[in-house]
Amino acid sequence: MKRILVVLYSQTGQLERVARAIAAPLHEAGHTVDWLRLESQPPYPFPWTFWSFLDAFPESVRLTPPPLRSWSVAARYDLVLLCWTPWFLSPAPPVAAFLQSEAGRAVLRDTPVVTVTAARNMWVLAQEDVKRMLAGAGARHSDHVALTDPGHTLVTVVTTPAWMLTGRRDAVASLPRAGLTDAQVAGSVRFGRALAAAFADGSLDGQRPVLTGLGAAQVDPALVMSEKIGRRSFRVWSKIVSAAGGPGARTRRPVLAVYVAFLVLMIITVVPVSLAIRTLLKPLMRARLQAQAAAYERPSGRGTERLSRFS
C-alpha cells in the first residue's frame, strides 16, 4: 500500500471538493491519504473586502511567501497531490510559500507530484511558476489537472470577482453561477481511478505521465496572449504598489485605486479589441497557437481516448 499527501489551499471549498473526488479511489484502494491544508498567518479573508482583495495583489504576483501556520507530515510519500489556485495569474501565496520553504521542498524532493488546479480560465503562467518551483525542489512532476469555469470569458470576469467579494457563487442573479459545475467536480474522480490503477501496475514513478487520455488539461490558445500581456502589466504594477508601502499600508490605497482604474479601462477597451484581433488572425496563426497550447498542456494533455475506462 502507498502513502499519498494532499497539499491543499482552498478558500471557497471548490478545490477541496475536487481533491476529495480524486483522493477517494486511492483511499478505497487501501492507500493512506494524508491531508495538509495550508493556512497563512494571519489567514487571508473570505469573502474578501474590496481593499483586502487588492492588497493581496503585489505579493501574489511577486511570489512573496507569507508566513504559514506550523505544520508537520510524514517524512516520505509515494505521491503528492499539490492542489492550488491562481491569484492574479500567479499561484496563491500559501502554495508559493510551501513550494519555497525548506520543509516543503524536503517533502517534494524525489517524489512524484500531480498538480491540480481549479480556475476561472487563466492558469497557464501560474502553472509555469509551479513547475519551476517543483523542479527547484527536485520533485518528479508527473501530471497536471486543470479544471476551469465553463462560462464565457466576459461573463466570468464579472462573476468570479463577485464570488470572491460576497462569498456567493450566484452573486450576480442575471448571470450563470461562478465556478465549476457539479458534473466537473464529480467527474474528477476519473483521475483518482487512473492514479490507483497506475499504482497497481507500477507505472506511477514520476518519470512519465499517467493521466493522459483523460481530458486533464485544455488550454485555450486565444487566452495565452492575454495572460502574457496581463502578466507583464501585473509585474510592473506590483512593483509600483510595493514601493508605496508593505501589506496593509494605507499608503498603498491611492496607488491601488489608480491601478483599478487602469485595469477597468483595459477590460473595457483593450480586451474586446484584442479578442477581435485574435479572431481575425486566428486562421493565420492556428498552427502556431495550437503548438503553443499543446506545450502548455503537457505532461497530461487534453486527449480523451481513455475516458471510457476510468469514468
C-alpha atoms as a PDB file:
ATOM      1  CA  MET A   1       0.000   0.000   0.000  1.00  0.00           C
ATOM      2  CA  LYS A   2       1.131   3.540  -0.793  1.00  0.00           C
ATOM      3  CA  ARG A   3       1.090   6.771   1.162  1.00  0.00           C
ATOM      4  CA  ILE A   4      -0.268   9.928  -0.508  1.00  0.00           C
ATOM      5  CA  LEU A   5      -0.130  13.517   0.709  1.00  0.00           C
ATOM      6  CA  VAL A   6      -2.716  16.040  -0.460  1.00  0.00           C
ATOM      7  CA  VAL A   7      -1.332  19.573  -0.127  1.00  0.00           C
ATOM      8  CA  LEU A   8      -4.260  21.962  -0.442  1.00  0.00           C
ATOM      9  CA  TYR A   9      -5.152  25.615  -0.292  1.00  0.00           C
ATOM     10  CA  SER A  10      -8.828  26.296  -0.989  1.00  0.00           C
ATOM     11  CA  GLN A  11     -10.683  29.372   0.208  1.00  0.00           C
ATOM     12  CA  THR A  12     -14.078  28.631  -1.336  1.00  0.00           C
ATOM     13  CA  GLY A  13     -14.040  24.869  -0.812  1.00  0.00           C
ATOM     14  CA  GLN A  14     -14.357  24.198  -4.541  1.00  0.00           C
ATOM     15  CA  LEU A  15     -10.815  22.887  -4.952  1.00  0.00           C
ATOM     16  CA  GLU A  16     -11.168  20.722  -1.833  1.00  0.00           C
ATOM     17  CA  ARG A  17     -14.222  19.068  -3.396  1.00  0.00           C
ATOM     18  CA  VAL A  18     -12.119  18.269  -6.463  1.00  0.00           C
ATOM     19  CA  ALA A  19      -9.259  16.975  -4.303  1.00  0.00           C
ATOM     20  CA  ARG A  20     -11.625  14.743  -2.334  1.00  0.00           C
ATOM     21  CA  ALA A  21     -13.062  13.304  -5.552  1.00  0.00           C
ATOM     22  CA  ILE A  22      -9.553  12.473  -6.788  1.00  0.00           C
ATOM     23  CA  ALA A  23      -8.424  11.069  -3.439  1.00  0.00           C
ATOM     24  CA  ALA A  24     -11.498   8.849  -2.927  1.00  0.00           C
ATOM     25  CA  PRO A  25     -10.431   5.987  -5.267  1.00  0.00           C
ATOM     26  CA  LEU A  26      -6.960   5.992  -3.718  1.00  0.00           C
ATOM     27  CA  HIS A  27      -8.432   5.641  -0.250  1.00  0.00           C
ATOM     28  CA  GLU A  28     -10.838   2.945  -1.470  1.00  0.00           C
ATOM     29  CA  ALA A  29      -7.876   1.025  -2.923  1.00  0.00           C
ATOM     30  CA  GLY A  30      -6.413   0.834   0.586  1.00  0.00           C
ATOM     31  CA  HIS A  31      -3.792   3.546   0.305  1.00  0.00           C
ATOM     32  CA  THR A  32      -3.162   6.013   3.140  1.00  0.00           C
ATOM     33  CA  VAL A  33      -4.170   9.588   2.263  1.00  0.00           C
ATOM     34  CA  ASP A  34      -2.856  12.388   4.484  1.00  0.00           C
ATOM     35  CA  TRP A  35      -4.099  15.968   4.187  1.00  0.00           C
ATOM     36  CA  LEU A  36      -2.117  19.166   4.608  1.00  0.00           C
ATOM     37  CA  ARG A  37      -4.338  22.240   4.443  1.00  0.00           C
ATOM     38  CA  LEU A  38      -2.122  25.283   4.137  1.00  0.00           C
ATOM     39  CA  GLU A  39      -3.019  28.413   6.086  1.00  0.00           C
ATOM     40  CA  SER A  40      -1.241  31.735   6.113  1.00  0.00           C
ATOM     41  CA  GLN A  41      -0.632  33.681   9.300  1.00  0.00           C
ATOM     42  CA  PRO A  42      -2.751  35.748   9.555  1.00  0.00           C
ATOM     43  CA  PRO A  43      -5.297  33.939   7.347  1.00  0.00           C
ATOM     44  CA  TYR A  44      -6.498  35.602   4.161  1.00  0.00           C
ATOM     45  CA  PRO A  45     -10.157  36.660   4.471  1.00  0.00           C
ATOM     46  CA  PHE A  46     -13.051  35.091   2.616  1.00  0.00           C
ATOM     47  CA  PRO A  47     -15.200  36.672   1.470  1.00  0.00           C
ATOM     48  CA  TRP A  48     -12.798  39.483   0.712  1.00  0.00           C
ATOM     49  CA  THR A  49     -13.325  43.168   1.188  1.00  0.00           C
ATOM     50  CA  PHE A  50     -12.530  45.294  -1.837  1.00  0.00           C
ATOM     51  CA  TRP A  51      -9.302  46.698  -0.372  1.00  0.00           C
ATOM     52  CA  SER A  52      -8.064  43.449   1.166  1.00  0.00           C
ATOM     53  CA  PHE A  53      -8.524  41.732  -2.208  1.00  0.00           C
ATOM     54  CA  LEU A  54      -6.457  44.368  -3.978  1.00  0.00           C
ATOM     55  CA  ASP A  55      -3.878  44.452  -1.191  1.00  0.00           C
ATOM     56  CA  ALA A  56      -3.005  40.791  -1.886  1.00  0.00           C
ATOM     57  CA  PHE A  57      -2.077  41.651  -5.472  1.00  0.00           C
ATOM     58  CA  PRO A  58       1.605  42.743  -5.233  1.00  0.00           C
ATOM     59  CA  GLU A  59       2.836  39.873  -3.057  1.00  0.00           C
ATOM     60  CA  SER A  60       0.886  37.317  -5.118  1.00  0.00           C
ATOM     61  CA  VAL A  61       2.479  38.458  -8.364  1.00  0.00           C
ATOM     62  CA  ARG A  62       5.964  38.695  -6.851  1.00  0.00           C
ATOM     63  CA  LEU A  63       5.670  35.234  -5.219  1.00  0.00           C
ATOM     64  CA  THR A  64       6.474  36.760  -1.840  1.00  0.00           C
ATOM     65  CA  PRO A  65       5.785  33.930   0.636  1.00  0.00           C
ATOM     66  CA  PRO A  66       3.560  34.740   3.620  1.00  0.00           C
ATOM     67  CA  PRO A  67       4.204  33.040   6.986  1.00  0.00           C
ATOM     68  CA  LEU A  68       2.381  29.710   7.210  1.00  0.00           C
ATOM     69  CA  ARG A  69       0.750  28.149  10.220  1.00  0.00           C
ATOM     70  CA  SER A  70       3.079  25.437  11.513  1.00  0.00           C
ATOM     71  CA  TRP A  71       2.525  22.001  10.024  1.00  0.00           C
ATOM     72  CA  SER A  72       4.044  18.546  10.087  1.00  0.00           C
ATOM     73  CA  VAL A  73       3.661  15.491   7.869  1.00  0.00           C
ATOM     74  CA  ALA A  74       5.407  12.164   7.355  1.00  0.00           C
ATOM     75  CA  ALA A  75       8.975  12.223   6.083  1.00  0.00           C
ATOM     76  CA  ARG A  76       8.311  10.384   2.827  1.00  0.00           C
ATOM     77  CA  TYR A  77       5.376   9.880   0.469  1.00  0.00           C
ATOM     78  CA  ASP A  78       4.821   7.834  -2.678  1.00  0.00           C
ATOM     79  CA  LEU A  79       2.765  10.644  -4.257  1.00  0.00           C
ATOM     80  CA  VAL A  80       1.956  14.277  -3.535  1.00  0.00           C
ATOM     81  CA  LEU A  81      -1.213  15.869  -4.910  1.00  0.00           C
ATOM     82  CA  LEU A  82      -0.462  19.596  -4.973  1.00  0.00           C
ATOM     83  CA  CYS A  83      -3.800  21.402  -5.227  1.00  0.00           C
ATOM     84  CA  TRP A  84      -3.588  25.132  -5.874  1.00  0.00           C
ATOM     85  CA  THR A  85      -5.497  28.075  -7.329  1.00  0.00           C
ATOM     86  CA  PRO A  86      -4.193  31.054  -9.315  1.00  0.00           C
ATOM     87  CA  TRP A  87      -4.298  34.531  -7.827  1.00  0.00           C
ATOM     88  CA  PHE A  88      -3.543  37.413 -10.192  1.00  0.00           C
ATOM     89  CA  LEU A  89      -2.060  34.958 -12.765  1.00  0.00           C
ATOM     90  CA  SER A  90       0.278  33.509 -10.106  1.00  0.00           C
ATOM     91  CA  PRO A  91      -0.016  30.590  -7.662  1.00  0.00           C
ATOM     92  CA  ALA A  92      -1.834  31.510  -4.444  1.00  0.00           C
ATOM     93  CA  PRO A  93       0.695  32.831  -1.863  1.00  0.00           C
ATOM     94  CA  PRO A  94       0.276  29.963   0.667  1.00  0.00           C
ATOM     95  CA  VAL A  95       1.149  27.469  -2.078  1.00  0.00           C
ATOM     96  CA  ALA A  96       4.102  29.599  -3.198  1.00  0.00           C
ATOM     97  CA  ALA A  97       5.234  29.699   0.438  1.00  0.00           C
ATOM     98  CA  PHE A  98       5.041  25.898   0.727  1.00  0.00           C
ATOM     99  CA  LEU A  99       6.979  25.415  -2.509  1.00  0.00           C
ATOM    100  CA  GLN A 100       9.708  27.837  -1.403  1.00  0.00           C
ATOM    101  CA  SER A 101      10.037  26.531   2.168  1.00  0.00           C
ATOM    102  CA  GLU A 102      12.775  24.107   3.166  1.00  0.00           C
ATOM    103  CA  ALA A 103      10.204  21.812   4.796  1.00  0.00           C
ATOM    104  CA  GLY A 104       8.023  21.793   1.682  1.00  0.00           C
ATOM    105  CA  ARG A 105      10.974  21.199  -0.607  1.00  0.00           C
ATOM    106  CA  ALA A 106      12.075  18.278   1.587  1.00  0.00           C
ATOM    107  CA  VAL A 107       8.641  16.628   1.254  1.00  0.00           C
ATOM    108  CA  LEU A 108       8.679  17.074  -2.525  1.00  0.00           C
ATOM    109  CA  ARG A 109      12.258  16.006  -3.194  1.00  0.00           C
ATOM    110  CA  ASP A 110      12.470  12.943  -5.465  1.00  0.00           C
ATOM    111  CA  THR A 111       8.708  12.368  -5.068  1.00  0.00           C
ATOM    112  CA  PRO A 112       6.099  12.002  -7.849  1.00  0.00           C
ATOM    113  CA  VAL A 113       3.830  15.052  -7.868  1.00  0.00           C
ATOM    114  CA  VAL A 114       0.486  15.605  -9.574  1.00  0.00           C
ATOM    115  CA  THR A 115      -0.612  19.244  -9.683  1.00  0.00           C
ATOM    116  CA  VAL A 116      -4.327  20.079  -9.624  1.00  0.00           C
ATOM    117  CA  THR A 117      -5.869  23.483 -10.191  1.00  0.00           C
ATOM    118  CA  ALA A 118      -9.391  24.860 -10.385  1.00  0.00           C
ATOM    119  CA  ALA A 119      -9.534  28.279 -12.002  1.00  0.00           C
ATOM    120  CA  ARG A 120     -11.627  30.845 -13.825  1.00  0.00           C
ATOM    121  CA  ASN A 121      -9.661  30.171 -17.012  1.00  0.00           C
ATOM    122  CA  MET A 122      -6.151  31.670 -16.966  1.00  0.00           C
ATOM    123  CA  TRP A 123      -3.854  29.204 -15.185  1.00  0.00           C
ATOM    124  CA  VAL A 124      -1.044  28.629 -17.704  1.00  0.00           C
ATOM    125  CA  LEU A 125       1.637  31.062 -16.498  1.00  0.00           C
ATOM    126  CA  ALA A 126       0.925  30.328 -12.831  1.00  0.00           C
ATOM    127  CA  GLN A 127       1.437  26.638 -13.603  1.00  0.00           C
ATOM    128  CA  GLU A 128       4.775  27.501 -15.210  1.00  0.00           C
ATOM    129  CA  ASP A 129       5.748  29.118 -11.882  1.00  0.00           C
ATOM    130  CA  VAL A 130       4.662  25.973 -10.028  1.00  0.00           C
ATOM    131  CA  LYS A 131       6.604  23.737 -12.407  1.00  0.00           C
ATOM    132  CA  ARG A 132       9.720  25.859 -11.978  1.00  0.00           C
ATOM    133  CA  MET A 133       9.488  25.670  -8.171  1.00  0.00           C
ATOM    134  CA  LEU A 134       8.847  21.926  -8.280  1.00  0.00           C
ATOM    135  CA  ALA A 135      11.932  21.464 -10.438  1.00  0.00           C
ATOM    136  CA  GLY A 136      13.916  23.568  -7.957  1.00  0.00           C
ATOM    137  CA  ALA A 137      12.758  21.269  -5.153  1.00  0.00           C
ATOM    138  CA  GLY A 138      13.857  18.174  -7.066  1.00  0.00           C
ATOM    139  CA  ALA A 139      10.294  16.846  -7.385  1.00  0.00           C
ATOM    140  CA  ARG A 140       9.224  14.476 -10.159  1.00  0.00           C
ATOM    141  CA  HIS A 141       6.278  16.258 -11.772  1.00  0.00           C
ATOM    142  CA  SER A 142       4.122  13.520 -13.249  1.00  0.00           C
ATOM    143  CA  ASP A 143       0.848  15.127 -14.338  1.00  0.00           C
ATOM    144  CA  HIS A 144      -1.273  18.249 -14.285  1.00  0.00           C
ATOM    145  CA  VAL A 145      -5.057  18.546 -13.989  1.00  0.00           C
ATOM    146  CA  ALA A 146      -6.695  21.883 -14.798  1.00  0.00           C
ATOM    147  CA  LEU A 147     -10.445  22.384 -14.350  1.00  0.00           C
ATOM    148  CA  THR A 148     -11.904  25.713 -15.466  1.00  0.00           C
ATOM    149  CA  ASP A 149     -15.158  27.628 -15.193  1.00  0.00           C
ATOM    150  CA  PRO A 150     -17.182  26.771 -18.341  1.00  0.00           C
ATOM    151  CA  GLY A 151     -18.593  30.292 -18.576  1.00  0.00           C
ATOM    152  CA  HIS A 152     -17.609  32.784 -21.277  1.00  0.00           C
ATOM    153  CA  THR A 153     -14.558  34.931 -20.503  1.00  0.00           C
ATOM    154  CA  LEU A 154     -16.549  38.169 -20.492  1.00  0.00           C
ATOM    155  CA  VAL A 155     -19.055  36.605 -18.066  1.00  0.00           C
ATOM    156  CA  THR A 156     -16.564  35.086 -15.627  1.00  0.00           C
ATOM    157  CA  VAL A 157     -14.622  38.342 -15.408  1.00  0.00           C
ATOM    158  CA  VAL A 158     -17.739  39.608 -13.581  1.00  0.00           C
ATOM    159  CA  THR A 159     -18.984  36.504 -11.741  1.00  0.00           C
ATOM    160  CA  THR A 160     -15.647  35.382 -10.267  1.00  0.00           C
ATOM    161  CA  PRO A 161     -14.775  38.697  -8.526  1.00  0.00           C
ATOM    162  CA  ALA A 162     -18.383  38.904  -7.310  1.00  0.00           C
ATOM    163  CA  TRP A 163     -17.968  35.442  -5.736  1.00  0.00           C
ATOM    164  CA  MET A 164     -14.735  36.494  -4.060  1.00  0.00           C
ATOM    165  CA  LEU A 165     -16.276  39.666  -2.611  1.00  0.00           C
ATOM    166  CA  THR A 166     -19.611  38.203  -1.481  1.00  0.00           C
ATOM    167  CA  GLY A 167     -18.877  34.536  -0.835  1.00  0.00           C
ATOM    168  CA  ARG A 168     -21.792  33.638  -3.129  1.00  0.00           C
ATOM    169  CA  ARG A 169     -21.460  31.857  -6.445  1.00  0.00           C
ATOM    170  CA  ASP A 170     -24.798  33.316  -7.563  1.00  0.00           C
ATOM    171  CA  ALA A 171     -23.994  36.882  -6.526  1.00  0.00           C
ATOM    172  CA  VAL A 172     -24.976  38.167  -9.990  1.00  0.00           C
ATOM    173  CA  ALA A 173     -28.506  36.867 -10.423  1.00  0.00           C
ATOM    174  CA  SER A 174     -28.712  37.517 -14.156  1.00  0.00           C
ATOM    175  CA  LEU A 175     -25.561  35.518 -14.938  1.00  0.00           C
ATOM    176  CA  PRO A 176     -24.590  31.827 -14.530  1.00  0.00           C
ATOM    177  CA  ARG A 177     -23.148  30.684 -11.196  1.00  0.00           C
ATOM    178  CA  ALA A 178     -19.418  31.188 -10.867  1.00  0.00           C
ATOM    179  CA  GLY A 179     -17.073  28.216 -10.680  1.00  0.00           C
ATOM    180  CA  LEU A 180     -17.065  24.602 -11.771  1.00  0.00           C
ATOM    181  CA  THR A 181     -20.235  22.637 -12.379  1.00  0.00           C
ATOM    182  CA  ASP A 182     -21.153  19.731 -10.114  1.00  0.00           C
ATOM    183  CA  ALA A 183     -20.526  17.412 -13.072  1.00  0.00           C
ATOM    184  CA  GLN A 184     -16.969  18.716 -13.446  1.00  0.00           C
ATOM    185  CA  VAL A 185     -16.247  18.137  -9.768  1.00  0.00           C
ATOM    186  CA  ALA A 186     -17.787  14.667  -9.716  1.00  0.00           C
ATOM    187  CA  GLY A 187     -16.052  13.763 -12.980  1.00  0.00           C
ATOM    188  CA  SER A 188     -12.629  14.416 -11.489  1.00  0.00           C
ATOM    189  CA  VAL A 189     -12.920  11.016  -9.787  1.00  0.00           C
ATOM    190  CA  ARG A 190     -11.510   9.602 -13.043  1.00  0.00           C
ATOM    191  CA  PHE A 191      -8.095  10.987 -12.174  1.00  0.00           C
ATOM    192  CA  GLY A 192      -8.078   9.185  -8.839  1.00  0.00           C
ATOM    193  CA  ARG A 193      -9.085   5.928 -10.510  1.00  0.00           C
ATOM    194  CA  ALA A 194      -6.263   6.307 -13.034  1.00  0.00           C
ATOM    195  CA  LEU A 195      -3.761   7.048 -10.258  1.00  0.00           C
ATOM    196  CA  ALA A 196      -4.907   3.960  -8.338  1.00  0.00           C
ATOM    197  CA  ALA A 197      -4.508   1.863 -11.492  1.00  0.00           C
ATOM    198  CA  ALA A 198      -1.040   3.327 -12.075  1.00  0.00           C
ATOM    199  CA  PHE A 199      -0.017   2.370  -8.536  1.00  0.00           C
ATOM    200  CA  ALA A 200      -1.349  -1.131  -9.156  1.00  0.00           C
ATOM    201  CA  ASP A 201       0.662  -1.667 -12.347  1.00  0.00           C
ATOM    202  CA  GLY A 202       3.771   0.153 -11.096  1.00  0.00           C
ATOM    203  CA  SER A 203       3.724   2.925 -13.689  1.00  0.00           C
ATOM    204  CA  LEU A 204       3.370   5.823 -11.232  1.00  0.00           C
ATOM    205  CA  ASP A 205       7.044   6.665 -10.776  1.00  0.00           C
ATOM    206  CA  GLY A 206       7.059  10.356 -11.662  1.00  0.00           C
ATOM    207  CA  GLN A 207       9.066   9.718 -14.816  1.00  0.00           C
ATOM    208  CA  ARG A 208       6.081   9.626 -17.182  1.00  0.00           C
ATOM    209  CA  PRO A 209       2.507  10.896 -17.153  1.00  0.00           C
ATOM    210  CA  VAL A 210      -0.262   8.532 -16.111  1.00  0.00           C
ATOM    211  CA  LEU A 211      -3.293  10.803 -16.659  1.00  0.00           C
ATOM    212  CA  THR A 212      -3.050  11.094 -20.438  1.00  0.00           C
ATOM    213  CA  GLY A 213      -6.243  10.497 -22.412  1.00  0.00           C
ATOM    214  CA  LEU A 214      -8.474  11.766 -19.587  1.00  0.00           C
ATOM    215  CA  GLY A 215      -9.032  15.370 -20.674  1.00  0.00           C
ATOM    216  CA  ALA A 216      -6.764  16.546 -17.881  1.00  0.00           C
ATOM    217  CA  ALA A 217      -5.647  19.937 -19.189  1.00  0.00           C
ATOM    218  CA  GLN A 218      -7.011  22.015 -22.042  1.00  0.00           C
ATOM    219  CA  VAL A 219      -5.522  25.388 -22.952  1.00  0.00           C
ATOM    220  CA  ASP A 220      -7.467  27.994 -24.905  1.00  0.00           C
ATOM    221  CA  PRO A 221      -4.835  29.315 -27.352  1.00  0.00           C
ATOM    222  CA  ALA A 222      -6.655  32.634 -27.606  1.00  0.00           C
ATOM    223  CA  LEU A 223      -6.142  33.320 -23.891  1.00  0.00           C
ATOM    224  CA  VAL A 224      -2.399  32.667 -23.748  1.00  0.00           C
ATOM    225  CA  MET A 225      -1.589  36.020 -25.331  1.00  0.00           C
ATOM    226  CA  SER A 226      -3.919  37.766 -22.874  1.00  0.00           C
ATOM    227  CA  GLU A 227      -2.161  36.012 -19.972  1.00  0.00           C
ATOM    228  CA  LYS A 228       1.247  37.147 -21.171  1.00  0.00           C
ATOM    229  CA  ILE A 229       0.097  40.748 -21.596  1.00  0.00           C
ATOM    230  CA  GLY A 230      -1.598  40.660 -18.198  1.00  0.00           C
ATOM    231  CA  ARG A 231       1.463  39.174 -16.511  1.00  0.00           C
ATOM    232  CA  ARG A 232       3.725  41.954 -17.837  1.00  0.00           C
ATOM    233  CA  SER A 233       1.271  44.585 -16.608  1.00  0.00           C
ATOM    234  CA  PHE A 234       0.900  42.898 -13.218  1.00  0.00           C
ATOM    235  CA  ARG A 235       4.650  42.772 -12.689  1.00  0.00           C
ATOM    236  CA  VAL A 236       5.064  46.469 -13.396  1.00  0.00           C
ATOM    237  CA  TRP A 237       2.153  47.490 -11.171  1.00  0.00           C
ATOM    238  CA  SER A 238       3.132  45.112  -8.357  1.00  0.00           C
ATOM    239  CA  LYS A 239       6.479  46.886  -8.095  1.00  0.00           C
ATOM    240  CA  ILE A 240       4.798  50.306  -8.079  1.00  0.00           C
ATOM    241  CA  VAL A 241       2.302  49.291  -5.371  1.00  0.00           C
ATOM    242  CA  SER A 242       5.000  47.630  -3.243  1.00  0.00           C
ATOM    243  CA  ALA A 243       7.071  50.802  -3.399  1.00  0.00           C
ATOM    244  CA  ALA A 244       4.138  52.678  -1.831  1.00  0.00           C
ATOM    245  CA  GLY A 245       4.212  50.510   1.313  1.00  0.00           C
ATOM    246  CA  GLY A 246       4.015  47.000   2.723  1.00  0.00           C
ATOM    247  CA  PRO A 247       0.940  44.770   3.018  1.00  0.00           C
ATOM    248  CA  GLY A 248      -1.934  46.577   4.706  1.00  0.00           C
ATOM    249  CA  ALA A 249      -0.321  50.021   4.484  1.00  0.00           C
ATOM    250  CA  ARG A 250      -2.852  52.791   3.854  1.00  0.00           C
ATOM    251  CA  THR A 251      -0.285  54.488   1.617  1.00  0.00           C
ATOM    252  CA  ARG A 252      -0.995  51.736  -0.906  1.00  0.00           C
ATOM    253  CA  ARG A 253      -4.623  52.669  -1.384  1.00  0.00           C
ATOM    254  CA  PRO A 254      -4.195  55.668  -3.718  1.00  0.00           C
ATOM    255  CA  VAL A 255      -1.875  53.632  -5.941  1.00  0.00           C
ATOM    256  CA  LEU A 256      -4.244  50.654  -5.879  1.00  0.00           C
ATOM    257  CA  ALA A 257      -7.121  52.980  -6.820  1.00  0.00           C
ATOM    258  CA  VAL A 258      -5.167  54.171  -9.858  1.00  0.00           C
ATOM    259  CA  TYR A 259      -4.357  50.573 -10.732  1.00  0.00           C
ATOM    260  CA  VAL A 260      -8.039  49.565 -10.561  1.00  0.00           C
ATOM    261  CA  ALA A 261      -8.980  52.442 -12.841  1.00  0.00           C
ATOM    262  CA  PHE A 262      -6.280  51.328 -15.269  1.00  0.00           C
ATOM    263  CA  LEU A 263      -7.467  47.710 -15.088  1.00  0.00           C
ATOM    264  CA  VAL A 264     -11.120  48.593 -15.708  1.00  0.00           C
ATOM    265  CA  LEU A 265     -10.114  50.763 -18.656  1.00  0.00           C
ATOM    266  CA  MET A 266      -8.094  47.850 -20.060  1.00  0.00           C
ATOM    267  CA  ILE A 267     -11.038  45.458 -19.679  1.00  0.00           C
ATOM    268  CA  ILE A 268     -13.445  47.873 -21.342  1.00  0.00           C
ATOM    269  CA  THR A 269     -11.191  48.878 -24.241  1.00  0.00           C
ATOM    270  CA  VAL A 270      -8.205  46.611 -24.809  1.00  0.00           C
ATOM    271  CA  VAL A 271      -9.751  43.201 -24.045  1.00  0.00           C
ATOM    272  CA  PRO A 272     -12.610  43.434 -26.610  1.00  0.00           C
ATOM    273  CA  VAL A 273     -10.227  44.796 -29.231  1.00  0.00           C
ATOM    274  CA  SER A 274      -7.648  42.080 -28.562  1.00  0.00           C
ATOM    275  CA  LEU A 275     -10.353  39.404 -28.746  1.00  0.00           C
ATOM    276  CA  ALA A 276     -11.463  40.790 -32.115  1.00  0.00           C
ATOM    277  CA  ILE A 277      -7.886  40.919 -33.422  1.00  0.00           C
ATOM    278  CA  ARG A 278      -7.196  37.361 -32.290  1.00  0.00           C
ATOM    279  CA  THR A 279     -10.375  36.190 -34.008  1.00  0.00           C
ATOM    280  CA  LEU A 280      -9.255  37.810 -37.267  1.00  0.00           C
ATOM    281  CA  LEU A 281      -5.713  36.461 -37.032  1.00  0.00           C
ATOM    282  CA  LYS A 282      -6.655  33.004 -35.793  1.00  0.00           C
ATOM    283  CA  PRO A 283      -6.720  31.383 -39.272  1.00  0.00           C
ATOM    284  CA  LEU A 284      -3.202  32.704 -39.967  1.00  0.00           C
ATOM    285  CA  MET A 285      -1.776  31.687 -36.574  1.00  0.00           C
ATOM    286  CA  ARG A 286      -3.711  28.472 -35.990  1.00  0.00           C
ATOM    287  CA  ALA A 287      -0.754  26.085 -36.249  1.00  0.00           C
ATOM    288  CA  ARG A 288       1.480  28.230 -34.029  1.00  0.00           C
ATOM    289  CA  LEU A 289      -1.205  28.756 -31.398  1.00  0.00           C
ATOM    290  CA  GLN A 290      -2.117  25.080 -31.293  1.00  0.00           C
ATOM    291  CA  ALA A 291       1.534  24.068 -30.873  1.00  0.00           C
ATOM    292  CA  GLN A 292       1.921  26.586 -28.061  1.00  0.00           C
ATOM    293  CA  ALA A 293      -1.240  25.329 -26.351  1.00  0.00           C
ATOM    294  CA  ALA A 294      -0.097  21.709 -26.634  1.00  0.00           C
ATOM    295  CA  ALA A 295       3.204  22.605 -24.964  1.00  0.00           C
ATOM    296  CA  TYR A 296       1.420  24.214 -22.015  1.00  0.00           C
ATOM    297  CA  GLU A 297      -0.947  21.229 -21.705  1.00  0.00           C
ATOM    298  CA  ARG A 298       1.915  18.837 -21.052  1.00  0.00           C
ATOM    299  CA  PRO A 299       2.505  16.452 -19.391  1.00  0.00           C
ATOM    300  CA  SER A 300      -1.075  15.115 -19.253  1.00  0.00           C
ATOM    301  CA  GLY A 301      -2.683  16.835 -22.250  1.00  0.00           C
ATOM    302  CA  ARG A 302      -6.227  17.250 -23.484  1.00  0.00           C
ATOM    303  CA  GLY A 303      -6.705  13.814 -25.096  1.00  0.00           C
ATOM    304  CA  THR A 304      -9.839  11.862 -24.146  1.00  0.00           C
ATOM    305  CA  GLU A 305      -9.104   8.390 -25.523  1.00  0.00           C
ATOM    306  CA  ARG A 306      -9.105   6.716 -22.063  1.00  0.00           C
ATOM    307  CA  LEU A 307     -12.216   8.371 -20.651  1.00  0.00           C
ATOM    308  CA  SER A 308     -14.407   5.316 -21.066  1.00  0.00           C
ATOM    309  CA  ARG A 309     -12.018   3.243 -18.955  1.00  0.00           C
ATOM    310  CA  PHE A 310     -11.969   5.483 -15.874  1.00  0.00           C
ATOM    311  CA  SER A 311     -15.229   7.491 -15.980  1.00  0.00           C
END
